[in-house]
Amino acid sequence: AFYIGALGSRRTHERRLARLAEQGWRAAQLARIHGPIGLDIGARGPVE
């Protein structure tokens, strides 16, 4: 997959990365995940 993104706050994403690291995924591999997902445009609500 050319793109992987995951919804959640920065803190949520940090916990997510820690869980995946415990499963053996390296930092370089985890860097493929865009988290928090989406461009930083200050989006609010589902549409944005």
PDB file of all heavy atoms in Angstrom:
ATOM      1  N   ALA A   1       0.829  -1.205   0.000  1.00  0.00           N
ATOM      2  CA  ALA A   1       0.000   0.000   0.000  1.00  0.00           C
ATOM      3  C   ALA A   1       0.865   1.258   0.000  1.00  0.00           C
ATOM      4  O   ALA A   1       1.812   1.370   0.772  1.00  0.00           O
ATOM      5  CB  ALA A   1      -0.922   0.002   1.215  1.00  0.00           C
ATOM      6  N   PHE A   2       0.524   2.218  -0.889  1.00  0.00           N
ATOM      7  CA  PHE A   2       1.338   3.439  -0.986  1.00  0.00           C
ATOM      8  C   PHE A   2       1.009   4.425   0.127  1.00  0.00           C
ATOM      9  O   PHE A   2       1.781   5.355   0.390  1.00  0.00           O
ATOM     10  CB  PHE A   2       1.151   4.106  -2.351  1.00  0.00           C
ATOM     11  CG  PHE A   2      -0.147   4.868  -2.516  1.00  0.00           C
ATOM     12  CD1 PHE A   2      -0.245   6.205  -2.140  1.00  0.00           C
ATOM     13  CD2 PHE A   2      -1.261   4.249  -3.071  1.00  0.00           C
ATOM     14  CE1 PHE A   2      -1.444   6.907  -2.304  1.00  0.00           C
ATOM     15  CE2 PHE A   2      -2.450   4.950  -3.243  1.00  0.00           C
ATOM     16  CZ  PHE A   2      -2.541   6.276  -2.853  1.00  0.00           C
ATOM     17  N   TYR A   3      -0.135   4.210   0.792  1.00  0.00           N
ATOM     18  CA  TYR A   3      -0.543   5.129   1.861  1.00  0.00           C
ATOM     19  C   TYR A   3      -1.210   4.334   2.968  1.00  0.00           C
ATOM     20  O   TYR A   3      -2.058   3.472   2.712  1.00  0.00           O
ATOM     21  CB  TYR A   3      -1.518   6.180   1.320  1.00  0.00           C
ATOM     22  CG  TYR A   3      -2.100   7.078   2.390  1.00  0.00           C
ATOM     23  CD1 TYR A   3      -1.470   8.278   2.738  1.00  0.00           C
ATOM     24  CD2 TYR A   3      -3.261   6.727   3.069  1.00  0.00           C
ATOM     25  CE1 TYR A   3      -1.987   9.092   3.729  1.00  0.00           C
ATOM     26  CE2 TYR A   3      -3.787   7.539   4.061  1.00  0.00           C
ATOM     27  CZ  TYR A   3      -3.151   8.720   4.392  1.00  0.00           C
ATOM     28  OH  TYR A   3      -3.661   9.518   5.378  1.00  0.00           O
ATOM     29  N   ILE A   4      -0.832   4.644   4.208  1.00  0.00           N
ATOM     30  CA  ILE A   4      -1.485   4.078   5.387  1.00  0.00           C
ATOM     31  C   ILE A   4      -1.715   5.231   6.353  1.00  0.00           C
ATOM     32  O   ILE A   4      -0.785   5.978   6.677  1.00  0.00           O
ATOM     33  CB  ILE A   4      -0.621   2.995   6.073  1.00  0.00           C
ATOM     34  CG1 ILE A   4      -0.219   1.909   5.087  1.00  0.00           C
ATOM     35  CG2 ILE A   4      -1.371   2.390   7.268  1.00  0.00           C
ATOM     36  CD1 ILE A   4       0.824   0.943   5.650  1.00  0.00           C
ATOM     37  N   GLY A   5      -2.941   5.400   6.786  1.00  0.00           N
ATOM     38  CA  GLY A   5      -3.253   6.458   7.751  1.00  0.00           C
ATOM     39  C   GLY A   5      -4.147   5.922   8.843  1.00  0.00           C
ATOM     40  O   GLY A   5      -4.932   4.991   8.621  1.00  0.00           O
ATOM     41  N   ALA A   6      -4.048   6.518  10.042  1.00  0.00           N
ATOM     42  CA  ALA A   6      -4.846   6.054  11.177  1.00  0.00           C
ATOM     43  C   ALA A   6      -5.406   7.242  11.942  1.00  0.00           C
ATOM     44  O   ALA A   6      -4.675   8.192  12.270  1.00  0.00           O
ATOM     45  CB  ALA A   6      -4.002   5.174  12.099  1.00  0.00           C
ATOM     46  N   LEU A   7      -6.699   7.202  12.226  1.00  0.00           N
ATOM     47  CA  LEU A   7      -7.396   8.261  12.943  1.00  0.00           C
ATOM     48  C   LEU A   7      -7.044   8.227  14.423  1.00  0.00           C
ATOM     49  O   LEU A   7      -6.882   7.158  15.013  1.00  0.00           O
ATOM     50  CB  LEU A   7      -8.909   8.099  12.747  1.00  0.00           C
ATOM     51  CG  LEU A   7      -9.819   9.173  13.312  1.00  0.00           C
ATOM     52  CD1 LEU A   7      -9.642  10.470  12.536  1.00  0.00           C
ATOM     53  CD2 LEU A   7     -11.278   8.714  13.243  1.00  0.00           C
ATOM     54  N   GLY A   8      -6.967   9.409  15.019  1.00  0.00           N
ATOM     55  CA  GLY A   8      -6.719   9.492  16.459  1.00  0.00           C
ATOM     56  C   GLY A   8      -5.813  10.660  16.790  1.00  0.00           C
ATOM     57  O   GLY A   8      -5.131  11.208  15.920  1.00  0.00           O
ATOM     58  N   SER A   9      -5.804  11.041  18.050  1.00  0.00           N
ATOM     59  CA  SER A   9      -4.953  12.136  18.505  1.00  0.00           C
ATOM     60  C   SER A   9      -3.488  11.715  18.495  1.00  0.00           C
ATOM     61  O   SER A   9      -3.162  10.541  18.315  1.00  0.00           O
ATOM     62  CB  SER A   9      -5.353  12.540  19.923  1.00  0.00           C
ATOM     63  OG  SER A   9      -5.066  11.480  20.825  1.00  0.00           O
ATOM     64  N   ARG A  10      -2.604  12.682  18.727  1.00  0.00           N
ATOM     65  CA  ARG A  10      -1.174  12.370  18.788  1.00  0.00           C
ATOM     66  C   ARG A  10      -0.888  11.378  19.904  1.00  0.00           C
ATOM     67  O   ARG A  10      -0.082  10.463  19.744  1.00  0.00           O
ATOM     68  CB  ARG A  10      -0.365  13.650  18.977  1.00  0.00           C
ATOM     69  CG  ARG A  10      -0.493  14.624  17.812  1.00  0.00           C
ATOM     70  CD  ARG A  10       0.444  15.806  17.956  1.00  0.00           C
ATOM     71  NE  ARG A  10       0.183  16.794  16.913  1.00  0.00           N
ATOM     72  CZ  ARG A  10       0.619  16.700  15.671  1.00  0.00           C
ATOM     73  NH1 ARG A  10       1.353  15.658  15.312  1.00  0.00           N
ATOM     74  NH2 ARG A  10       0.346  17.638  14.788  1.00  0.00           N
ATOM     75  N   ARG A  11      -1.534  11.574  21.053  1.00  0.00           N
ATOM     76  CA  ARG A  11      -1.312  10.645  22.168  1.00  0.00           C
ATOM     77  C   ARG A  11      -1.820   9.250  21.821  1.00  0.00           C
ATOM     78  O   ARG A  11      -1.158   8.251  22.117  1.00  0.00           O
ATOM     79  CB  ARG A  11      -2.006  11.178  23.427  1.00  0.00           C
ATOM     80  CG  ARG A  11      -1.792  10.307  24.657  1.00  0.00           C
ATOM     81  CD  ARG A  11      -2.248  10.992  25.916  1.00  0.00           C
ATOM     82  NE  ARG A  11      -1.457  12.180  26.185  1.00  0.00           N
ATOM     83  CZ  ARG A  11      -1.627  12.961  27.258  1.00  0.00           C
ATOM     84  NH1 ARG A  11      -2.584  12.679  28.135  1.00  0.00           N
ATOM     85  NH2 ARG A  11      -0.859  14.025  27.437  1.00  0.00           N
ATOM     86  N   THR A  12      -2.988   9.190  21.183  1.00  0.00           N
ATOM     87  CA  THR A  12      -3.524   7.890  20.754  1.00  0.00           C
ATOM     88  C   THR A  12      -2.563   7.223  19.790  1.00  0.00           C
ATOM     89  O   THR A  12      -2.322   6.010  19.855  1.00  0.00           O
ATOM     90  CB  THR A  12      -4.896   8.078  20.095  1.00  0.00           C
ATOM     91  OG1 THR A  12      -5.822   8.576  21.057  1.00  0.00           O
ATOM     92  CG2 THR A  12      -5.418   6.759  19.531  1.00  0.00           C
ATOM     93  N   HIS A  13      -2.000   8.014  18.888  1.00  0.00           N
ATOM     94  CA  HIS A  13      -1.081   7.445  17.898  1.00  0.00           C
ATOM     95  C   HIS A  13       0.203   6.961  18.563  1.00  0.00           C
ATOM     96  O   HIS A  13       0.743   5.913  18.170  1.00  0.00           O
ATOM     97  CB  HIS A  13      -0.767   8.473  16.825  1.00  0.00           C
ATOM     98  CG  HIS A  13      -0.020   7.923  15.662  1.00  0.00           C
ATOM     99  ND1 HIS A  13      -0.489   6.871  14.900  1.00  0.00           N
ATOM    100  CD2 HIS A  13       1.192   8.250  15.126  1.00  0.00           C
ATOM    101  CE1 HIS A  13       0.379   6.580  13.946  1.00  0.00           C
ATOM    102  NE2 HIS A  13       1.418   7.402  14.073  1.00  0.00           N
ATOM    103  N   GLU A  14       0.685   7.677  19.562  1.00  0.00           N
ATOM    104  CA  GLU A  14       1.885   7.232  20.280  1.00  0.00           C
ATOM    105  C   GLU A  14       1.644   5.882  20.944  1.00  0.00           C
ATOM    106  O   GLU A  14       2.508   4.990  20.900  1.00  0.00           O
ATOM    107  CB  GLU A  14       2.289   8.278  21.316  1.00  0.00           C
ATOM    108  CG  GLU A  14       2.865   9.551  20.718  1.00  0.00           C
ATOM    109  CD  GLU A  14       3.069  10.637  21.747  1.00  0.00           C
ATOM    110  OE1 GLU A  14       2.773  10.374  22.941  1.00  0.00           O
ATOM    111  OE2 GLU A  14       3.513  11.741  21.375  1.00  0.00           O
ATOM    112  N   ARG A  15       0.479   5.725  21.570  1.00  0.00           N
ATOM    113  CA  ARG A  15       0.148   4.433  22.192  1.00  0.00           C
ATOM    114  C   ARG A  15       0.027   3.342  21.128  1.00  0.00           C
ATOM    115  O   ARG A  15       0.451   2.202  21.344  1.00  0.00           O
ATOM    116  CB  ARG A  15      -1.148   4.556  22.992  1.00  0.00           C
ATOM    117  CG  ARG A  15      -1.034   5.440  24.225  1.00  0.00           C
ATOM    118  CD  ARG A  15      -2.193   5.189  25.166  1.00  0.00           C
ATOM    119  NE  ARG A  15      -3.459   5.597  24.587  1.00  0.00           N
ATOM    120  CZ  ARG A  15      -4.023   6.791  24.768  1.00  0.00           C
ATOM    121  NH1 ARG A  15      -3.408   7.700  25.525  1.00  0.00           N
ATOM    122  NH2 ARG A  15      -5.185   7.083  24.213  1.00  0.00           N
ATOM    123  N   ARG A  16      -0.538   3.710  19.983  1.00  0.00           N
ATOM    124  CA  ARG A  16      -0.678   2.750  18.879  1.00  0.00           C
ATOM    125  C   ARG A  16       0.692   2.280  18.407  1.00  0.00           C
ATOM    126  O   ARG A  16       0.932   1.078  18.227  1.00  0.00           O
ATOM    127  CB  ARG A  16      -1.446   3.422  17.743  1.00  0.00           C
ATOM    128  CG  ARG A  16      -1.574   2.599  16.485  1.00  0.00           C
ATOM    129  CD  ARG A  16      -2.177   3.447  15.391  1.00  0.00           C
ATOM    130  NE  ARG A  16      -3.526   3.854  15.683  1.00  0.00           N
ATOM    131  CZ  ARG A  16      -4.005   5.099  15.587  1.00  0.00           C
ATOM    132  NH1 ARG A  16      -3.191   6.079  15.212  1.00  0.00           N
ATOM    133  NH2 ARG A  16      -5.252   5.361  15.853  1.00  0.00           N
ATOM    134  N   LEU A  17       1.598   3.205  18.210  1.00  0.00           N
ATOM    135  CA  LEU A  17       2.943   2.852  17.759  1.00  0.00           C
ATOM    136  C   LEU A  17       3.654   1.976  18.785  1.00  0.00           C
ATOM    137  O   LEU A  17       4.392   1.046  18.420  1.00  0.00           O
ATOM    138  CB  LEU A  17       3.762   4.112  17.485  1.00  0.00           C
ATOM    139  CG  LEU A  17       3.280   5.002  16.327  1.00  0.00           C
ATOM    140  CD1 LEU A  17       4.190   6.217  16.188  1.00  0.00           C
ATOM    141  CD2 LEU A  17       3.215   4.220  15.022  1.00  0.00           C
ATOM    142  N   ALA A  18       3.431   2.253  20.072  1.00  0.00           N
ATOM    143  CA  ALA A  18       4.056   1.444  21.121  1.00  0.00           C
ATOM    144  C   ALA A  18       3.543   0.011  21.076  1.00  0.00           C
ATOM    145  O   ALA A  18       4.322  -0.944  21.226  1.00  0.00           O
ATOM    146  CB  ALA A  18       3.789   2.068  22.488  1.00  0.00           C
ATOM    147  N   ARG A  19       2.234  -0.157  20.856  1.00  0.00           N
ATOM    148  CA  ARG A  19       1.679  -1.512  20.759  1.00  0.00           C
ATOM    149  C   ARG A  19       2.267  -2.264  19.578  1.00  0.00           C
ATOM    150  O   ARG A  19       2.623  -3.449  19.691  1.00  0.00           O
ATOM    151  CB  ARG A  19       0.148  -1.458  20.617  1.00  0.00           C
ATOM    152  CG  ARG A  19      -0.606  -1.008  21.828  1.00  0.00           C
ATOM    153  CD  ARG A  19      -2.091  -1.321  21.699  1.00  0.00           C
ATOM    154  NE  ARG A  19      -2.701  -0.765  20.496  1.00  0.00           N
ATOM    155  CZ  ARG A  19      -3.228   0.457  20.426  1.00  0.00           C
ATOM    156  NH1 ARG A  19      -3.191   1.257  21.493  1.00  0.00           N
ATOM    157  NH2 ARG A  19      -3.796   0.887  19.314  1.00  0.00           N
ATOM    158  N   LEU A  20       2.370  -1.581  18.443  1.00  0.00           N
ATOM    159  CA  LEU A  20       2.907  -2.241  17.256  1.00  0.00           C
ATOM    160  C   LEU A  20       4.391  -2.542  17.414  1.00  0.00           C
ATOM    161  O   LEU A  20       4.884  -3.568  16.930  1.00  0.00           O
ATOM    162  CB  LEU A  20       2.658  -1.369  16.025  1.00  0.00           C
ATOM    163  CG  LEU A  20       1.176  -1.179  15.636  1.00  0.00           C
ATOM    164  CD1 LEU A  20       1.042  -0.159  14.522  1.00  0.00           C
ATOM    165  CD2 LEU A  20       0.556  -2.504  15.223  1.00  0.00           C
ATOM    166  N   ALA A  21       5.116  -1.650  18.084  1.00  0.00           N
ATOM    167  CA  ALA A  21       6.543  -1.905  18.334  1.00  0.00           C
ATOM    168  C   ALA A  21       6.734  -3.146  19.197  1.00  0.00           C
ATOM    169  O   ALA A  21       7.680  -3.922  18.999  1.00  0.00           O
ATOM    170  CB  ALA A  21       7.179  -0.689  18.999  1.00  0.00           C
ATOM    171  N   GLU A  22       5.829  -3.358  20.143  1.00  0.00           N
ATOM    172  CA  GLU A  22       5.899  -4.553  20.988  1.00  0.00           C
ATOM    173  C   GLU A  22       5.701  -5.825  20.172  1.00  0.00           C
ATOM    174  O   GLU A  22       6.150  -6.904  20.565  1.00  0.00           O
ATOM    175  CB  GLU A  22       4.852  -4.479  22.096  1.00  0.00           C
ATOM    176  CG  GLU A  22       5.159  -3.437  23.161  1.00  0.00           C
ATOM    177  CD  GLU A  22       4.047  -3.328  24.185  1.00  0.00           C
ATOM    178  OE1 GLU A  22       3.019  -4.053  24.022  1.00  0.00           O
ATOM    179  OE2 GLU A  22       4.183  -2.538  25.126  1.00  0.00           O
ATOM    180  N   GLN A  23       5.034  -5.689  19.022  1.00  0.00           N
ATOM    181  CA  GLN A  23       4.832  -6.849  18.140  1.00  0.00           C
ATOM    182  C   GLN A  23       6.021  -7.061  17.192  1.00  0.00           C
ATOM    183  O   GLN A  23       6.000  -7.982  16.382  1.00  0.00           O
ATOM    184  CB  GLN A  23       3.559  -6.657  17.311  1.00  0.00           C
ATOM    185  CG  GLN A  23       2.282  -6.571  18.128  1.00  0.00           C
ATOM    186  CD  GLN A  23       1.059  -6.383  17.255  1.00  0.00           C
ATOM    187  OE1 GLN A  23       0.961  -6.961  16.162  1.00  0.00           O
ATOM    188  NE2 GLN A  23       0.111  -5.581  17.706  1.00  0.00           N
ATOM    189  N   GLY A  24       7.030  -6.192  17.289  1.00  0.00           N
ATOM    190  CA  GLY A  24       8.238  -6.395  16.495  1.00  0.00           C
ATOM    191  C   GLY A  24       8.409  -5.458  15.317  1.00  0.00           C
ATOM    192  O   GLY A  24       9.397  -5.563  14.576  1.00  0.00           O
ATOM    193  N   TRP A  25       7.482  -4.522  15.126  1.00  0.00           N
ATOM    194  CA  TRP A  25       7.610  -3.594  14.012  1.00  0.00           C
ATOM    195  C   TRP A  25       8.648  -2.526  14.352  1.00  0.00           C
ATOM    196  O   TRP A  25       8.634  -1.945  15.428  1.00  0.00           O
ATOM    197  CB  TRP A  25       6.262  -2.939  13.692  1.00  0.00           C
ATOM    198  CG  TRP A  25       5.282  -3.905  13.134  1.00  0.00           C
ATOM    199  CD1 TRP A  25       4.323  -4.592  13.825  1.00  0.00           C
ATOM    200  CD2 TRP A  25       5.194  -4.342  11.779  1.00  0.00           C
ATOM    201  NE1 TRP A  25       3.626  -5.415  12.980  1.00  0.00           N
ATOM    202  CE2 TRP A  25       4.143  -5.290  11.715  1.00  0.00           C
ATOM    203  CE3 TRP A  25       5.894  -4.032  10.617  1.00  0.00           C
ATOM    204  CZ2 TRP A  25       3.775  -5.916  10.537  1.00  0.00           C
ATOM    205  CZ3 TRP A  25       5.524  -4.653   9.435  1.00  0.00           C
ATOM    206  CH2 TRP A  25       4.473  -5.583   9.395  1.00  0.00           C
ATOM    207  N   ARG A  26       9.545  -2.258  13.403  1.00  0.00           N
ATOM    208  CA  ARG A  26      10.609  -1.285  13.619  1.00  0.00           C
ATOM    209  C   ARG A  26      10.107   0.136  13.346  1.00  0.00           C
ATOM    210  O   ARG A  26       9.118   0.328  12.634  1.00  0.00           O
ATOM    211  CB  ARG A  26      11.805  -1.594  12.714  1.00  0.00           C
ATOM    212  CG  ARG A  26      12.409  -2.980  12.953  1.00  0.00           C
ATOM    213  CD  ARG A  26      13.695  -3.155  12.162  1.00  0.00           C
ATOM    214  NE  ARG A  26      13.509  -2.952  10.732  1.00  0.00           N
ATOM    215  CZ  ARG A  26      13.084  -3.877   9.890  1.00  0.00           C
ATOM    216  NH1 ARG A  26      12.800  -5.093  10.350  1.00  0.00           N
ATOM    217  NH2 ARG A  26      12.960  -3.611   8.601  1.00  0.00           N
ATOM    218  N   ALA A  27      10.842   1.115  13.895  1.00  0.00           N
ATOM    219  CA  ALA A  27      10.441   2.520  13.760  1.00  0.00           C
ATOM    220  C   ALA A  27      10.339   2.929  12.296  1.00  0.00           C
ATOM    221  O   ALA A  27       9.423   3.665  11.905  1.00  0.00           O
ATOM    222  CB  ALA A  27      11.426   3.414  14.504  1.00  0.00           C
ATOM    223  N   ALA A  28      11.271   2.464  11.452  1.00  0.00           N
ATOM    224  CA  ALA A  28      11.247   2.820  10.030  1.00  0.00           C
ATOM    225  C   ALA A  28       9.994   2.276   9.353  1.00  0.00           C
ATOM    226  O   ALA A  28       9.442   2.911   8.443  1.00  0.00           O
ATOM    227  CB  ALA A  28      12.497   2.295   9.335  1.00  0.00           C
ATOM    228  N   GLN A  29       9.554   1.114   9.768  1.00  0.00           N
ATOM    229  CA  GLN A  29       8.336   0.543   9.200  1.00  0.00           C
ATOM    230  C   GLN A  29       7.101   1.310   9.678  1.00  0.00           C
ATOM    231  O   GLN A  29       6.193   1.610   8.899  1.00  0.00           O
ATOM    232  CB  GLN A  29       8.228  -0.936   9.584  1.00  0.00           C
ATOM    233  CG  GLN A  29       9.328  -1.810   9.000  1.00  0.00           C
ATOM    234  CD  GLN A  29       9.311  -3.207   9.573  1.00  0.00           C
ATOM    235  OE1 GLN A  29       9.295  -3.382  10.804  1.00  0.00           O
ATOM    236  NE2 GLN A  29       9.312  -4.210   8.705  1.00  0.00           N
ATOM    237  N   LEU A  30       7.087   1.635  10.963  1.00  0.00           N
ATOM    238  CA  LEU A  30       5.940   2.347  11.535  1.00  0.00           C
ATOM    239  C   LEU A  30       5.827   3.772  10.994  1.00  0.00           C
ATOM    240  O   LEU A  30       4.748   4.373  11.030  1.00  0.00           O
ATOM    241  CB  LEU A  30       6.047   2.368  13.059  1.00  0.00           C
ATOM    242  CG  LEU A  30       5.982   0.995  13.740  1.00  0.00           C
ATOM    243  CD1 LEU A  30       6.205   1.138  15.236  1.00  0.00           C
ATOM    244  CD2 LEU A  30       4.637   0.322  13.464  1.00  0.00           C
ATOM    245  N   ALA A  31       6.932   4.318  10.484  1.00  0.00           N
ATOM    246  CA  ALA A  31       6.906   5.671   9.927  1.00  0.00           C
ATOM    247  C   ALA A  31       6.020   5.744   8.682  1.00  0.00           C
ATOM    248  O   ALA A  31       5.668   6.850   8.237  1.00  0.00           O
ATOM    249  CB  ALA A  31       8.326   6.120   9.592  1.00  0.00           C
ATOM    250  N   ARG A  32       5.652   4.608   8.105  1.00  0.00           N
ATOM    251  CA  ARG A  32       4.744   4.600   6.962  1.00  0.00           C
ATOM    252  C   ARG A  32       3.338   5.053   7.356  1.00  0.00           C
ATOM    253  O   ARG A  32       2.554   5.469   6.494  1.00  0.00           O
ATOM    254  CB  ARG A  32       4.653   3.204   6.339  1.00  0.00           C
ATOM    255  CG  ARG A  32       5.916   2.721   5.665  1.00  0.00           C
ATOM    256  CD  ARG A  32       5.712   1.301   5.157  1.00  0.00           C
ATOM    257  NE  ARG A  32       4.651   1.206   4.152  1.00  0.00           N
ATOM    258  CZ  ARG A  32       4.082   0.062   3.783  1.00  0.00           C
ATOM    259  NH1 ARG A  32       4.457  -1.086   4.351  1.00  0.00           N
ATOM    260  NH2 ARG A  32       3.134   0.054   2.857  1.00  0.00           N
ATOM    261  N   ILE A  33       3.005   4.950   8.636  1.00  0.00           N
ATOM    262  CA  ILE A  33       1.654   5.283   9.086  1.00  0.00           C
ATOM    263  C   ILE A  33       1.530   6.791   9.281  1.00  0.00           C
ATOM    264  O   ILE A  33       2.276   7.390  10.055  1.00  0.00           O
ATOM    265  CB  ILE A  33       1.310   4.573  10.407  1.00  0.00           C
ATOM    266  CG1 ILE A  33       1.484   3.056  10.274  1.00  0.00           C
ATOM    267  CG2 ILE A  33      -0.117   4.911  10.828  1.00  0.00           C
ATOM    268  CD1 ILE A  33       1.311   2.313  11.582  1.00  0.00           C
ATOM    269  N   HIS A  34       0.587   7.405   8.578  1.00  0.00           N
ATOM    270  CA  HIS A  34       0.290   8.822   8.777  1.00  0.00           C
ATOM    271  C   HIS A  34      -0.658   8.936   9.975  1.00  0.00           C
ATOM    272  O   HIS A  34      -1.813   8.514   9.914  1.00  0.00           O
ATOM    273  CB  HIS A  34      -0.373   9.411   7.530  1.00  0.00           C
ATOM    274  CG  HIS A  34       0.528   9.440   6.338  1.00  0.00           C
ATOM    275  ND1 HIS A  34       1.272  10.542   5.983  1.00  0.00           N
ATOM    276  CD2 HIS A  34       0.803   8.487   5.410  1.00  0.00           C
ATOM    277  CE1 HIS A  34       1.968  10.286   4.893  1.00  0.00           C
ATOM    278  NE2 HIS A  34       1.698   9.039   4.521  1.00  0.00           N
ATOM    279  N   GLY A  35      -0.156   9.476  11.052  1.00  0.00           N
ATOM    280  CA  GLY A  35      -0.972   9.614  12.243  1.00  0.00           C
ATOM    281  C   GLY A  35      -0.555  10.838  13.039  1.00  0.00           C
ATOM    282  O   GLY A  35       0.648  11.021  13.269  1.00  0.00           O
ATOM    283  N   PRO A  36      -1.495  11.664  13.448  1.00  0.00           N
ATOM    284  CA  PRO A  36      -2.921  11.599  13.110  1.00  0.00           C
ATOM    285  C   PRO A  36      -3.152  11.713  11.594  1.00  0.00           C
ATOM    286  O   PRO A  36      -2.436  12.430  10.915  1.00  0.00           O
ATOM    287  CB  PRO A  36      -3.523  12.803  13.842  1.00  0.00           C
ATOM    288  CG  PRO A  36      -2.532  13.145  14.912  1.00  0.00           C
ATOM    289  CD  PRO A  36      -1.205  12.803  14.342  1.00  0.00           C
ATOM    290  N   ILE A  37      -4.149  11.016  11.121  1.00  0.00           N
ATOM    291  CA  ILE A  37      -4.407  10.925   9.688  1.00  0.00           C
ATOM    292  C   ILE A  37      -4.832  12.280   9.118  1.00  0.00           C
ATOM    293  O   ILE A  37      -5.451  13.098   9.788  1.00  0.00           O
ATOM    294  CB  ILE A  37      -5.498   9.859   9.425  1.00  0.00           C
ATOM    295  CG1 ILE A  37      -5.541   9.462   7.952  1.00  0.00           C
ATOM    296  CG2 ILE A  37      -6.861  10.347   9.895  1.00  0.00           C
ATOM    297  CD1 ILE A  37      -6.443   8.265   7.679  1.00  0.00           C
ATOM    298  N   GLY A  38      -4.465  12.519   7.866  1.00  0.00           N
ATOM    299  CA  GLY A  38      -4.919  13.700   7.135  1.00  0.00           C
ATOM    300  C   GLY A  38      -3.972  14.877   7.219  1.00  0.00           C
ATOM    301  O   GLY A  38      -3.149  14.977   8.124  1.00  0.00           O
ATOM    302  N   LEU A  39      -4.094  15.780   6.231  1.00  0.00           N
ATOM    303  CA  LEU A  39      -3.317  17.009   6.267  1.00  0.00           C
ATOM    304  C   LEU A  39      -3.769  17.868   7.446  1.00  0.00           C
ATOM    305  O   LEU A  39      -4.948  17.878   7.811  1.00  0.00           O
ATOM    306  CB  LEU A  39      -3.498  17.794   4.966  1.00  0.00           C
ATOM    307  CG  LEU A  39      -2.936  17.164   3.684  1.00  0.00           C
ATOM    308  CD1 LEU A  39      -3.150  18.118   2.508  1.00  0.00           C
ATOM    309  CD2 LEU A  39      -1.463  16.826   3.829  1.00  0.00           C
ATOM    310  N   ASP A  40      -2.829  18.601   8.003  1.00  0.00           N
ATOM    311  CA  ASP A  40      -3.136  19.441   9.159  1.00  0.00           C
ATOM    312  C   ASP A  40      -3.759  20.749   8.681  1.00  0.00           C
ATOM    313  O   ASP A  40      -3.073  21.742   8.433  1.00  0.00           O
ATOM    314  CB  ASP A  40      -1.857  19.711   9.960  1.00  0.00           C
ATOM    315  CG  ASP A  40      -2.126  20.476  11.241  1.00  0.00           C
ATOM    316  OD1 ASP A  40      -3.314  20.726  11.544  1.00  0.00           O
ATOM    317  OD2 ASP A  40      -1.156  20.823  11.944  1.00  0.00           O
ATOM    318  N   ILE A  41      -5.084  20.733   8.522  1.00  0.00           N
ATOM    319  CA  ILE A  41      -5.803  21.936   8.090  1.00  0.00           C
ATOM    320  C   ILE A  41      -6.737  22.432   9.189  1.00  0.00           C
ATOM    321  O   ILE A  41      -7.617  23.259   8.935  1.00  0.00           O
ATOM    322  CB  ILE A  41      -6.603  21.674   6.791  1.00  0.00           C
ATOM    323  CG1 ILE A  41      -7.632  20.544   7.007  1.00  0.00           C
ATOM    324  CG2 ILE A  41      -5.681  21.330   5.642  1.00  0.00           C
ATOM    325  CD1 ILE A  41      -8.569  20.346   5.825  1.00  0.00           C
ATOM    326  N   GLY A  42      -6.539  21.915  10.400  1.00  0.00           N
ATOM    327  CA  GLY A  42      -7.421  22.301  11.496  1.00  0.00           C
ATOM    328  C   GLY A  42      -8.827  21.788  11.310  1.00  0.00           C
ATOM    329  O   GLY A  42      -9.801  22.440  11.712  1.00  0.00           O
ATOM    330  N   ALA A  43      -8.952  20.611  10.709  1.00  0.00           N
ATOM    331  CA  ALA A  43     -10.268  20.065  10.362  1.00  0.00           C
ATOM    332  C   ALA A  43     -11.133  19.839  11.594  1.00  0.00           C
ATOM    333  O   ALA A  43     -10.664  19.357  12.634  1.00  0.00           O
ATOM    334  CB  ALA A  43     -10.097  18.759   9.597  1.00  0.00           C
ATOM    335  N   ARG A  44     -12.406  20.158  11.448  1.00  0.00           N
ATOM    336  CA  ARG A  44     -13.394  19.915  12.498  1.00  0.00           C
ATOM    337  C   ARG A  44     -14.610  19.252  11.870  1.00  0.00           C
ATOM    338  O   ARG A  44     -15.115  19.718  10.850  1.00  0.00           O
ATOM    339  CB  ARG A  44     -13.815  21.223  13.175  1.00  0.00           C
ATOM    340  CG  ARG A  44     -12.685  21.916  13.937  1.00  0.00           C
ATOM    341  CD  ARG A  44     -13.167  23.224  14.543  1.00  0.00           C
ATOM    342  NE  ARG A  44     -12.107  23.889  15.287  1.00  0.00           N
ATOM    343  CZ  ARG A  44     -11.827  23.645  16.568  1.00  0.00           C
ATOM    344  NH1 ARG A  44     -12.552  22.762  17.231  1.00  0.00           N
ATOM    345  NH2 ARG A  44     -10.846  24.290  17.177  1.00  0.00           N
ATOM    346  N   GLY A  45     -15.077  18.186  12.478  1.00  0.00           N
ATOM    347  CA  GLY A  45     -16.260  17.504  11.985  1.00  0.00           C
ATOM    348  C   GLY A  45     -15.932  16.516  10.880  1.00  0.00           C
ATOM    349  O   GLY A  45     -14.871  16.587  10.241  1.00  0.00           O
ATOM    350  N   PRO A  46     -16.833  15.561  10.632  1.00  0.00           N
ATOM    351  CA  PRO A  46     -16.583  14.479   9.676  1.00  0.00           C
ATOM    352  C   PRO A  46     -16.244  14.936   8.268  1.00  0.00           C
ATOM    353  O   PRO A  46     -15.357  14.367   7.626  1.00  0.00           O
ATOM    354  CB  PRO A  46     -17.895  13.683   9.697  1.00  0.00           C
ATOM    355  CG  PRO A  46     -18.478  13.941  11.044  1.00  0.00           C
ATOM    356  CD  PRO A  46     -18.115  15.365  11.357  1.00  0.00           C
ATOM    357  N   VAL A  47     -16.922  15.966   7.752  1.00  0.00           N
ATOM    358  CA  VAL A  47     -16.679  16.387   6.371  1.00  0.00           C
ATOM    359  C   VAL A  47     -15.267  16.937   6.223  1.00  0.00           C
ATOM    360  O   VAL A  47     -14.530  16.571   5.296  1.00  0.00           O
ATOM    361  CB  VAL A  47     -17.714  17.442   5.924  1.00  0.00           C
ATOM    362  CG1 VAL A  47     -17.374  17.956   4.530  1.00  0.00           C
ATOM    363  CG2 VAL A  47     -19.116  16.842   5.922  1.00  0.00           C
ATOM    364  N   GLU A  48     -14.861  17.814   7.113  1.00  0.00           N
ATOM    365  CA  GLU A  48     -13.531  18.413   7.012  1.00  0.00           C
ATOM    366  C   GLU A  48     -12.439  17.385   7.262  1.00  0.00           C
ATOM    367  O   GLU A  48     -11.379  17.417   6.615  1.00  0.00           O
ATOM    368  CB  GLU A  48     -13.400  19.579   7.992  1.00  0.00           C
ATOM    369  CG  GLU A  48     -14.273  20.770   7.625  1.00  0.00           C
ATOM    370  CD  GLU A  48     -14.050  21.959   8.546  1.00  0.00           C
ATOM    371  OE1 GLU A  48     -13.198  21.857   9.461  1.00  0.00           O
ATOM    372  OE2 GLU A  48     -14.727  22.986   8.357  1.00  0.00           O
TER     373      GLU A  48
END
